[in-house]
């Protein structure tokens, strides 16, 4: 079963006219607007408000989907259930994307309800703290608190799965690394859709012109804003540099033309080198977090059956009996291990009985999309030796006289 989850996938399909049309629309609207606004604090605040207003537009959900607000836990959010025959003893903890300053659980319901159906369990979408007021470190605190809350409600770690897209993929990886470093039992698996994993501010040259949605320069500007006064090479800020030893199976999904593609590849490389089973999928000509476009793009609907297969295979990898105790033999760290975070106030698998209810709508014409074992350029073959690296605690960068940090 490990061989069925530790693989690279490059799906083959006829590129739909819906995807081509949306790519063109985003290239002419979303991309230039983002490039214009994400240059200073005024535009940054305006972009946040525009997305917040867009999130208030009523969104029609299928009749079998139920959304229930949850204000009782340490971090507010909403429960999403797609259907009545779900395993209520299991849960998928989801972190939405939005660059740590935009979007909400409501804007990402096209993803969360389909994940609920694919995983056959409820989804708790976390409404973590965001900018411009809050920093990614506070979002990390909320991610850890939400996981602790689930454990406190009696969920077994082996029955919890993490998921996230873009900045939410960053939060997924950072939360896993922080939990591992605290010696806590880890969830059964994690799914990252187009994760934003490198906040070092390094120039992104790959796909700068091909990406129909995200201007590479604005990603770099946002990364500098969120890491001001800190060491951007710390794995809790740039998980692409982390040590993934002991983490649960990962699934990383990217689009071949997005500027964040190589970050997903590097995460897959690093995790696989540390002995973590990784399913890496690179979908040709798909934009950033294309799974959210499933209402109109047929390729996006297909990805959820791939996620369902991954989760079923990851579940089978759990050891018989007490599979909930997957953690490294590390001492439990004190609550102060994230003390520096408070200082950030700077302005087709052989899986039996796998039925995914009502996810995809009309199927794509052409061959099956899942091509296991197809090599993806730039990724090592499965089975590399673990790297001997240590993940440091998030720390403040040294301030030099006259620097922007000072």
Protein backbone atom coordinates (compact mmCIF):
# COMPACT_ATOMS: atom_id res chain seq x y z
CA UNK A 1 0.00 0.00 0.00
CA UNK A 2 2.93 2.35 0.64
CA UNK A 3 3.95 2.06 -3.03
CA UNK A 4 0.44 3.08 -4.05
CA UNK A 5 0.66 6.34 -2.11
CA UNK A 6 4.32 7.24 -2.69
CA UNK A 7 4.19 8.30 -6.33
CA UNK A 8 4.17 11.14 -8.83
CA UNK A 9 1.13 11.75 -11.01
CA UNK A 10 0.78 13.83 -14.15
CA UNK A 11 -2.86 13.50 -15.22
CA UNK A 12 -3.69 13.33 -18.92
CA UNK A 13 -6.95 14.84 -20.14
CA UNK A 14 -8.42 16.97 -22.90
CA UNK A 15 -8.09 20.59 -21.81
CA UNK A 16 -11.65 21.87 -21.41
CA UNK A 17 -13.00 25.07 -22.92
CA UNK A 18 -14.24 26.03 -19.46
CA UNK A 19 -10.69 25.97 -18.08
CA UNK A 20 -9.35 27.89 -21.07
CA UNK A 21 -12.04 30.55 -20.70
CA UNK A 22 -11.49 31.02 -16.97
CA UNK A 23 -7.72 31.24 -17.45
CA UNK A 24 -8.26 34.04 -19.97
CA UNK A 25 -10.71 35.88 -17.70
CA UNK A 26 -8.38 35.70 -14.69
CA UNK A 27 -5.41 36.82 -16.78
CA UNK A 28 -7.33 39.95 -17.80
CA UNK A 29 -8.91 40.78 -14.43
CA UNK A 30 -7.71 39.09 -11.25
CA UNK A 31 -4.00 39.15 -12.11
CA UNK A 32 -3.70 42.85 -13.06
CA UNK A 33 -5.90 43.93 -10.13
CA UNK A 34 -3.71 41.97 -7.70
CA UNK A 35 -0.61 43.44 -9.29
CA UNK A 36 -2.02 46.94 -8.78
CA UNK A 37 -3.24 46.58 -5.19
CA UNK A 38 -0.54 44.53 -3.47
CA UNK A 39 2.10 47.23 -3.46
CA UNK A 40 1.45 49.22 -0.27
CA UNK A 41 -0.63 49.12 2.90
CA UNK A 42 -3.50 51.10 1.36
CA UNK A 43 -3.90 48.73 -1.56
CA UNK A 44 -3.39 45.77 0.77
CA UNK A 45 -6.29 46.87 2.98
CA UNK A 46 -8.44 47.58 -0.09
CA UNK A 47 -7.80 44.10 -1.48
CA UNK A 48 -8.79 42.56 1.84
CA UNK A 49 -12.06 44.49 1.89
CA UNK A 50 -12.89 43.65 -1.73
CA UNK A 51 -12.49 39.94 -1.08
CA UNK A 52 -14.52 40.25 2.14
CA UNK A 53 -17.38 41.84 0.20
CA UNK A 54 -17.18 39.15 -2.46
CA UNK A 55 -17.43 36.53 0.27
CA UNK A 56 -20.84 37.88 1.26
CA UNK A 57 -22.37 36.98 -2.10
CA UNK A 58 -24.86 34.15 -1.46
CA UNK A 59 -23.47 30.84 -2.63
CA UNK A 60 -25.84 28.02 -3.57
CA UNK A 61 -24.89 24.66 -2.12
CA UNK A 62 -26.35 21.29 -3.11
CA UNK A 63 -29.37 20.29 -1.06
CA UNK A 64 -27.47 17.47 0.62
CA UNK A 65 -24.81 19.84 2.05
CA UNK A 66 -25.23 21.22 5.56
CA UNK A 67 -23.18 24.08 7.04
CA UNK A 68 -23.16 24.61 10.80
CA UNK A 69 -21.27 27.49 12.48
CA UNK A 70 -19.09 26.51 15.43
CA UNK A 71 -18.27 29.22 17.95
CA UNK A 72 -17.65 26.95 20.93
CA UNK A 73 -14.02 26.06 20.30
CA UNK A 74 -10.87 28.11 20.83
CA UNK A 75 -10.91 29.05 17.16
CA UNK A 76 -14.21 29.74 15.38
CA UNK A 77 -15.15 28.06 12.14
CA UNK A 78 -17.86 26.06 10.47
CA UNK A 79 -18.74 22.40 10.06
CA UNK A 80 -19.50 21.27 6.53
CA UNK A 81 -21.27 17.96 5.92
CA UNK A 82 -21.97 16.62 2.44
CA UNK A 83 -24.61 13.94 2.95
CA UNK A 84 -25.92 12.01 5.90
CA UNK A 85 -23.86 8.81 5.68
CA UNK A 86 -20.64 10.31 7.05
CA UNK A 87 -18.42 8.87 9.75
CA UNK A 88 -18.97 11.36 12.57
CA UNK A 89 -16.09 9.82 14.50
CA UNK A 90 -13.67 11.25 11.94
CA UNK A 91 -12.96 14.80 10.80
CA UNK A 92 -11.01 16.78 8.21
CA UNK A 93 -9.52 20.00 9.60
CA UNK A 94 -9.34 22.53 6.77
CA UNK A 95 -7.36 25.78 6.48
CA UNK A 96 -8.55 28.06 3.68
CA UNK A 97 -6.19 30.09 1.50
CA UNK A 98 -6.07 33.82 0.78
CA UNK A 99 -2.50 34.98 1.42
CA UNK A 100 -3.18 35.30 5.18
CA UNK A 101 -5.27 38.42 4.57
CA UNK A 102 -8.33 37.40 2.53
CA UNK A 103 -11.06 34.78 2.15
CA UNK A 104 -12.85 32.73 4.80
CA UNK A 105 -14.44 29.32 5.34
CA UNK A 106 -17.49 30.63 3.43
CA UNK A 107 -15.50 31.49 0.29
CA UNK A 108 -14.02 27.98 0.22
CA UNK A 109 -17.20 25.95 0.54
CA UNK A 110 -16.83 24.72 -3.08
CA UNK A 111 -13.77 22.88 -1.74
CA UNK A 112 -14.89 21.90 1.75
CA UNK A 113 -18.20 20.27 0.83
CA UNK A 114 -16.53 18.18 -1.84
CA UNK A 115 -13.78 17.20 0.59
CA UNK A 116 -16.45 16.10 3.05
CA UNK A 117 -17.92 13.81 0.40
CA UNK A 118 -14.51 12.56 -0.74
CA UNK A 119 -13.29 11.85 2.80
CA UNK A 120 -16.69 10.56 4.00
CA UNK A 121 -16.43 12.67 7.12
CA UNK A 122 -17.37 16.16 8.35
CA UNK A 123 -15.03 19.05 7.59
CA UNK A 124 -14.21 21.69 10.19
CA UNK A 125 -13.12 24.81 8.28
CA UNK A 126 -11.11 27.01 10.66
CA UNK A 127 -11.73 30.76 10.65
CA UNK A 128 -8.21 31.59 11.80
CA UNK A 129 -6.96 35.12 12.41
CA UNK A 130 -5.72 37.04 9.38
CA UNK A 131 -4.18 40.33 8.29
CA UNK A 132 -3.98 43.16 7.93
CA UNK A 133 -4.44 43.15 11.74
CA UNK A 134 -3.02 39.70 12.51
CA UNK A 135 0.09 37.83 11.42
CA UNK A 136 0.73 34.26 10.20
CA UNK A 137 2.12 33.39 13.64
CA UNK A 138 -1.32 34.00 15.15
CA UNK A 139 -2.87 31.83 12.45
CA UNK A 140 -0.43 29.09 13.47
CA UNK A 141 -1.54 29.44 17.08
CA UNK A 142 -5.14 29.06 15.90
CA UNK A 143 -4.27 25.98 13.85
CA UNK A 144 -2.66 24.30 16.84
CA UNK A 145 -5.57 25.35 19.07
CA UNK A 146 -8.13 23.93 16.62
CA UNK A 147 -6.31 20.59 16.57
CA UNK A 148 -6.10 20.54 20.38
CA UNK A 149 -9.82 21.33 20.46
CA UNK A 150 -10.59 18.27 18.33
CA UNK A 151 -8.45 16.09 20.58
CA UNK A 152 -10.28 17.55 23.58
CA UNK A 153 -13.61 16.59 22.00
CA UNK A 154 -12.49 12.97 21.87
CA UNK A 155 -11.28 12.61 18.29
CA UNK A 156 -8.44 10.15 17.85
CA UNK A 157 -5.45 11.63 15.94
CA UNK A 158 -5.67 8.66 13.56
CA UNK A 159 -9.19 9.84 12.66
CA UNK A 160 -8.13 13.42 11.86
CA UNK A 161 -6.89 14.61 8.47
CA UNK A 162 -5.50 18.06 7.64
CA UNK A 163 -6.17 19.98 4.44
CA UNK A 164 -5.40 23.43 3.12
CA UNK A 165 -4.86 25.48 -0.01
CA UNK A 166 -2.31 28.19 -0.83
CA UNK A 167 -1.67 30.06 2.45
CA UNK A 168 -3.84 27.39 4.07
CA UNK A 169 -1.40 24.82 2.66
CA UNK A 170 1.38 26.81 4.33
CA UNK A 171 -0.57 26.73 7.59
CA UNK A 172 -1.15 22.98 7.20
CA UNK A 173 2.58 22.29 6.86
CA UNK A 174 3.60 24.73 9.60
CA UNK A 175 1.05 23.24 12.00
CA UNK A 176 2.31 19.71 11.31
CA UNK A 177 5.92 20.78 11.94
CA UNK A 178 4.99 22.61 15.15
CA UNK A 179 2.96 19.66 16.45
CA UNK A 180 5.78 17.26 15.63
CA UNK A 181 8.30 19.45 17.43
CA UNK A 182 6.05 19.49 20.49
CA UNK A 183 5.98 15.69 20.50
CA UNK A 184 2.22 15.57 19.97
CA UNK A 185 0.51 12.70 18.14
CA UNK A 186 -0.02 13.66 14.52
CA UNK A 187 -3.06 13.32 12.24
CA UNK A 188 -3.38 10.45 9.78
CA UNK A 189 -2.57 12.45 6.61
CA UNK A 190 -2.55 15.91 5.04
CA UNK A 191 -3.60 17.32 1.66
CA UNK A 192 -2.03 20.54 0.35
CA UNK A 193 -3.52 22.26 -2.69
CA UNK A 194 -1.03 24.63 -4.33
CA UNK A 195 0.79 25.29 -1.04
CA UNK A 196 2.58 28.61 -0.54
CA UNK A 197 5.61 27.20 1.22
CA UNK A 198 8.48 29.61 0.58
CA UNK A 199 8.37 33.02 2.30
CA UNK A 200 12.08 33.77 1.92
CA UNK A 201 11.25 36.39 -0.71
CA UNK A 202 13.41 34.69 -3.33
CA UNK A 203 12.50 35.76 -6.89
CA UNK A 204 10.08 33.41 -8.62
CA UNK A 205 11.20 33.02 -12.21
CA UNK A 206 9.30 29.86 -13.09
CA UNK A 207 5.89 30.49 -14.69
CA UNK A 208 5.99 34.26 -14.14
CA UNK A 209 4.40 34.78 -17.55
CA UNK A 210 2.42 31.54 -17.75
CA UNK A 211 0.49 31.89 -14.48
CA UNK A 212 -2.97 33.25 -15.40
CA UNK A 213 -3.86 34.30 -11.88
CA UNK A 214 -0.98 35.32 -9.60
CA UNK A 215 1.65 38.01 -10.27
CA UNK A 216 4.94 36.62 -8.96
CA UNK A 217 6.19 40.00 -7.76
CA UNK A 218 3.18 40.46 -5.48
CA UNK A 219 3.78 37.06 -3.86
CA UNK A 220 7.32 38.16 -3.08
CA UNK A 221 6.05 41.50 -1.70
CA UNK A 222 3.56 39.72 0.54
CA UNK A 223 6.22 37.30 1.77
CA UNK A 224 8.48 40.20 2.78
CA UNK A 225 5.58 41.84 4.60
CA UNK A 226 4.75 38.74 6.64
CA UNK A 227 8.38 37.98 7.55
CA UNK A 228 9.53 41.50 8.43
CA UNK A 229 11.66 41.35 11.58
CA UNK A 230 11.89 37.55 11.48
CA UNK A 231 14.15 34.96 9.91
CA UNK A 232 12.29 33.97 6.71
CA UNK A 233 14.37 30.78 6.47
CA UNK A 234 12.79 29.38 9.62
CA UNK A 235 10.70 26.31 8.68
CA UNK A 236 7.65 27.66 10.50
CA UNK A 237 7.75 30.59 8.07
CA UNK A 238 9.08 28.70 5.05
CA UNK A 239 8.01 25.07 5.43
CA UNK A 240 9.75 24.25 2.16
CA UNK A 241 12.97 24.32 4.23
CA UNK A 242 11.65 22.10 7.03
CA UNK A 243 12.66 18.66 8.22
CA UNK A 244 9.69 16.38 7.53
CA UNK A 245 10.90 13.40 9.52
CA UNK A 246 8.02 11.66 11.29
CA UNK A 247 5.22 13.50 9.48
CA UNK A 248 2.18 11.60 8.16
CA UNK A 249 1.58 10.87 4.45
CA UNK A 250 1.23 14.00 2.31
CA UNK A 251 -0.61 14.74 -0.89
CA UNK A 252 0.54 17.82 -2.80
CA UNK A 253 -1.50 19.05 -5.78
CA UNK A 254 -0.27 21.81 -8.11
CA UNK A 255 -1.01 23.26 -11.52
CA UNK A 256 1.78 23.11 -14.09
CA UNK A 257 1.57 26.82 -14.97
CA UNK A 258 1.28 28.43 -11.53
CA UNK A 259 4.12 30.40 -9.96
CA UNK A 260 3.87 28.32 -6.76
CA UNK A 261 4.34 25.03 -8.61
CA UNK A 262 7.98 24.55 -7.67
CA UNK A 263 7.23 25.15 -3.99
CA UNK A 264 4.89 22.17 -4.05
CA UNK A 265 7.55 20.13 -5.84
CA UNK A 266 10.19 21.06 -3.27
CA UNK A 267 7.90 20.14 -0.38
CA UNK A 268 7.31 16.75 -2.00
CA UNK A 269 11.06 16.29 -2.52
CA UNK A 270 11.95 17.19 1.03
CA UNK A 271 9.20 15.12 2.64
CA UNK A 272 9.98 12.08 0.51
CA UNK A 273 13.69 12.38 1.32
CA UNK A 274 12.75 12.30 5.01
CA UNK A 275 10.91 9.02 4.55
CA UNK A 276 7.37 10.43 4.29
CA UNK A 277 5.08 8.78 1.71
CA UNK A 278 4.12 11.54 -0.74
CA UNK A 279 1.63 11.68 -3.58
CA UNK A 280 2.63 14.57 -5.82
CA UNK A 281 0.17 15.55 -8.58
CA UNK A 282 0.91 18.19 -11.21
CA UNK A 283 -2.11 19.01 -13.40
CA UNK A 284 -1.26 20.43 -16.84
CA UNK A 285 -2.40 24.01 -17.52
CA UNK A 286 -4.41 24.25 -14.31
CA UNK A 287 -4.31 27.54 -12.34
CA UNK A 288 -3.59 28.13 -8.67
CA UNK A 289 -5.94 26.15 -6.36
CA UNK A 290 -7.98 25.00 -9.34
CA UNK A 291 -10.00 22.70 -7.06
CA UNK A 292 -12.08 25.72 -6.02
CA UNK A 293 -13.33 26.04 -9.61
CA UNK A 294 -15.10 22.68 -9.54
CA UNK A 295 -18.52 24.24 -10.13
CA UNK A 296 -17.49 25.21 -13.66
CA UNK A 297 -14.24 23.41 -14.58
CA UNK A 298 -14.56 19.64 -15.17
CA UNK A 299 -10.86 18.97 -14.49
CA UNK A 300 -11.26 20.52 -11.05
CA UNK A 301 -14.09 18.13 -10.21
CA UNK A 302 -11.88 15.16 -11.00
CA UNK A 303 -9.25 15.99 -8.40
CA UNK A 304 -11.55 15.02 -5.53
CA UNK A 305 -11.66 11.37 -6.57
CA UNK A 306 -7.84 11.44 -6.47
CA UNK A 307 -7.97 12.89 -2.95
CA UNK A 308 -10.43 10.19 -1.90
CA UNK A 309 -8.08 7.48 -3.12
CA UNK A 310 -5.13 9.06 -1.34
CA UNK A 311 -6.99 9.31 1.97
CA UNK A 312 -8.17 5.71 1.75
CA UNK A 313 -4.62 4.54 1.05
CA UNK A 314 -3.23 6.69 3.89
CA UNK A 315 -5.76 5.17 6.27
CA UNK A 316 -4.56 1.70 5.31
CA UNK A 317 -0.98 2.70 6.17
CA UNK A 318 -1.90 3.25 9.82
CA UNK A 319 -0.55 0.46 12.05
CA UNK A 320 -3.06 -2.06 13.28
CA UNK A 321 -4.42 -1.38 16.73
CA UNK A 322 -3.29 1.90 18.24
CA UNK A 323 -2.50 3.92 15.13
CA UNK A 324 -3.18 7.19 16.90
CA UNK A 325 0.21 7.41 18.55
CA UNK A 326 2.24 8.39 15.50
CA UNK A 327 4.74 10.88 16.89
CA UNK A 328 8.47 11.17 17.36
CA UNK A 329 10.06 10.24 20.63
CA UNK A 330 10.57 13.84 21.68
CA UNK A 331 10.08 15.54 25.03
CA UNK A 332 6.93 17.61 25.30
CA UNK A 333 7.92 21.22 24.82
CA UNK A 334 6.64 23.94 27.05
CA UNK A 335 4.14 26.46 25.80
CA UNK A 336 7.04 28.90 25.49
CA UNK A 337 8.44 27.02 22.47
CA UNK A 338 6.50 29.43 20.29
CA UNK A 339 7.14 32.45 22.46
CA UNK A 340 8.72 34.39 19.62
CA UNK A 341 5.43 34.21 17.77
CA UNK A 342 3.88 36.87 19.95
CA UNK A 343 6.32 39.50 18.71
CA UNK A 344 5.09 39.70 15.16
CA UNK A 345 3.12 42.94 15.29
CA UNK A 346 4.99 44.61 12.42
CA UNK A 347 2.93 47.13 10.24
CA UNK A 348 -6.47 4.83 -9.57
CA UNK A 349 -5.48 2.77 -6.63
CA UNK A 350 -6.72 -0.67 -5.63
CA UNK A 351 -8.89 0.56 -2.80
CA UNK A 352 -11.96 -1.55 -2.07
CA UNK A 353 -15.41 -0.11 -1.64
CA UNK A 354 -14.43 3.44 -2.59
CA UNK A 355 -17.52 5.39 -3.63
CA UNK A 356 -17.41 9.16 -3.77
CA UNK A 357 -20.96 10.56 -3.76
CA UNK A 358 -21.92 13.30 -6.20
CA UNK A 359 -18.55 15.01 -6.55
CA UNK A 360 -17.70 15.36 -10.15
CA UNK A 361 -20.81 15.97 -12.18
CA UNK A 362 -20.28 14.99 -15.80
CA UNK A 363 -17.06 13.07 -16.32
CA UNK A 364 -14.36 14.28 -18.65
CA UNK A 365 -14.10 12.61 -22.00
CA UNK A 366 -10.92 10.69 -22.59
CA UNK A 367 -8.74 8.31 -20.58
CA UNK A 368 -8.74 7.93 -16.82
CA UNK A 369 -6.89 10.81 -15.17
CA UNK A 370 -4.87 8.86 -12.63
CA UNK A 371 -1.56 7.68 -14.05
CA UNK A 372 0.36 6.21 -11.09
CA UNK A 373 4.11 6.20 -11.18
CA UNK A 374 4.49 8.72 -14.01
CA UNK A 375 7.69 10.65 -13.26
CA UNK A 376 7.47 14.40 -12.84
CA UNK A 377 10.63 16.32 -13.79
CA UNK A 378 12.49 17.68 -10.79
CA UNK A 379 11.18 15.14 -8.28
CA UNK A 380 13.38 12.34 -6.95
CA UNK A 381 12.27 8.76 -7.19
CA UNK A 382 10.51 7.34 -4.11
CA UNK A 383 12.68 5.85 -1.40
CA UNK A 384 15.49 8.41 -0.91
CA UNK A 385 17.34 8.45 2.36
CA UNK A 386 16.15 10.96 4.98
CA UNK A 387 17.96 14.24 5.27
CA UNK A 388 19.67 15.03 8.51
CA UNK A 389 18.22 18.47 9.19
CA UNK A 390 16.83 20.20 12.24
CA UNK A 391 13.88 22.59 12.24
CA UNK A 392 14.76 25.62 14.38
CA UNK A 393 12.27 27.50 16.46
CA UNK A 394 10.88 30.62 14.78
CA UNK A 395 13.22 33.46 15.67
CA UNK A 396 13.55 37.16 15.04
CA UNK A 397 16.03 38.28 12.41
CA UNK A 398 18.94 40.40 13.64
CA UNK A 399 18.16 44.05 13.12
CA UNK A 400 20.87 46.21 11.61
CA UNK A 401 20.94 50.01 11.92
CA UNK A 402 19.19 51.58 8.99
CA UNK A 403 17.48 48.38 7.85
CA UNK A 404 13.79 48.17 7.08
CA UNK A 405 13.32 45.84 10.05
CA UNK A 406 14.78 48.44 12.39
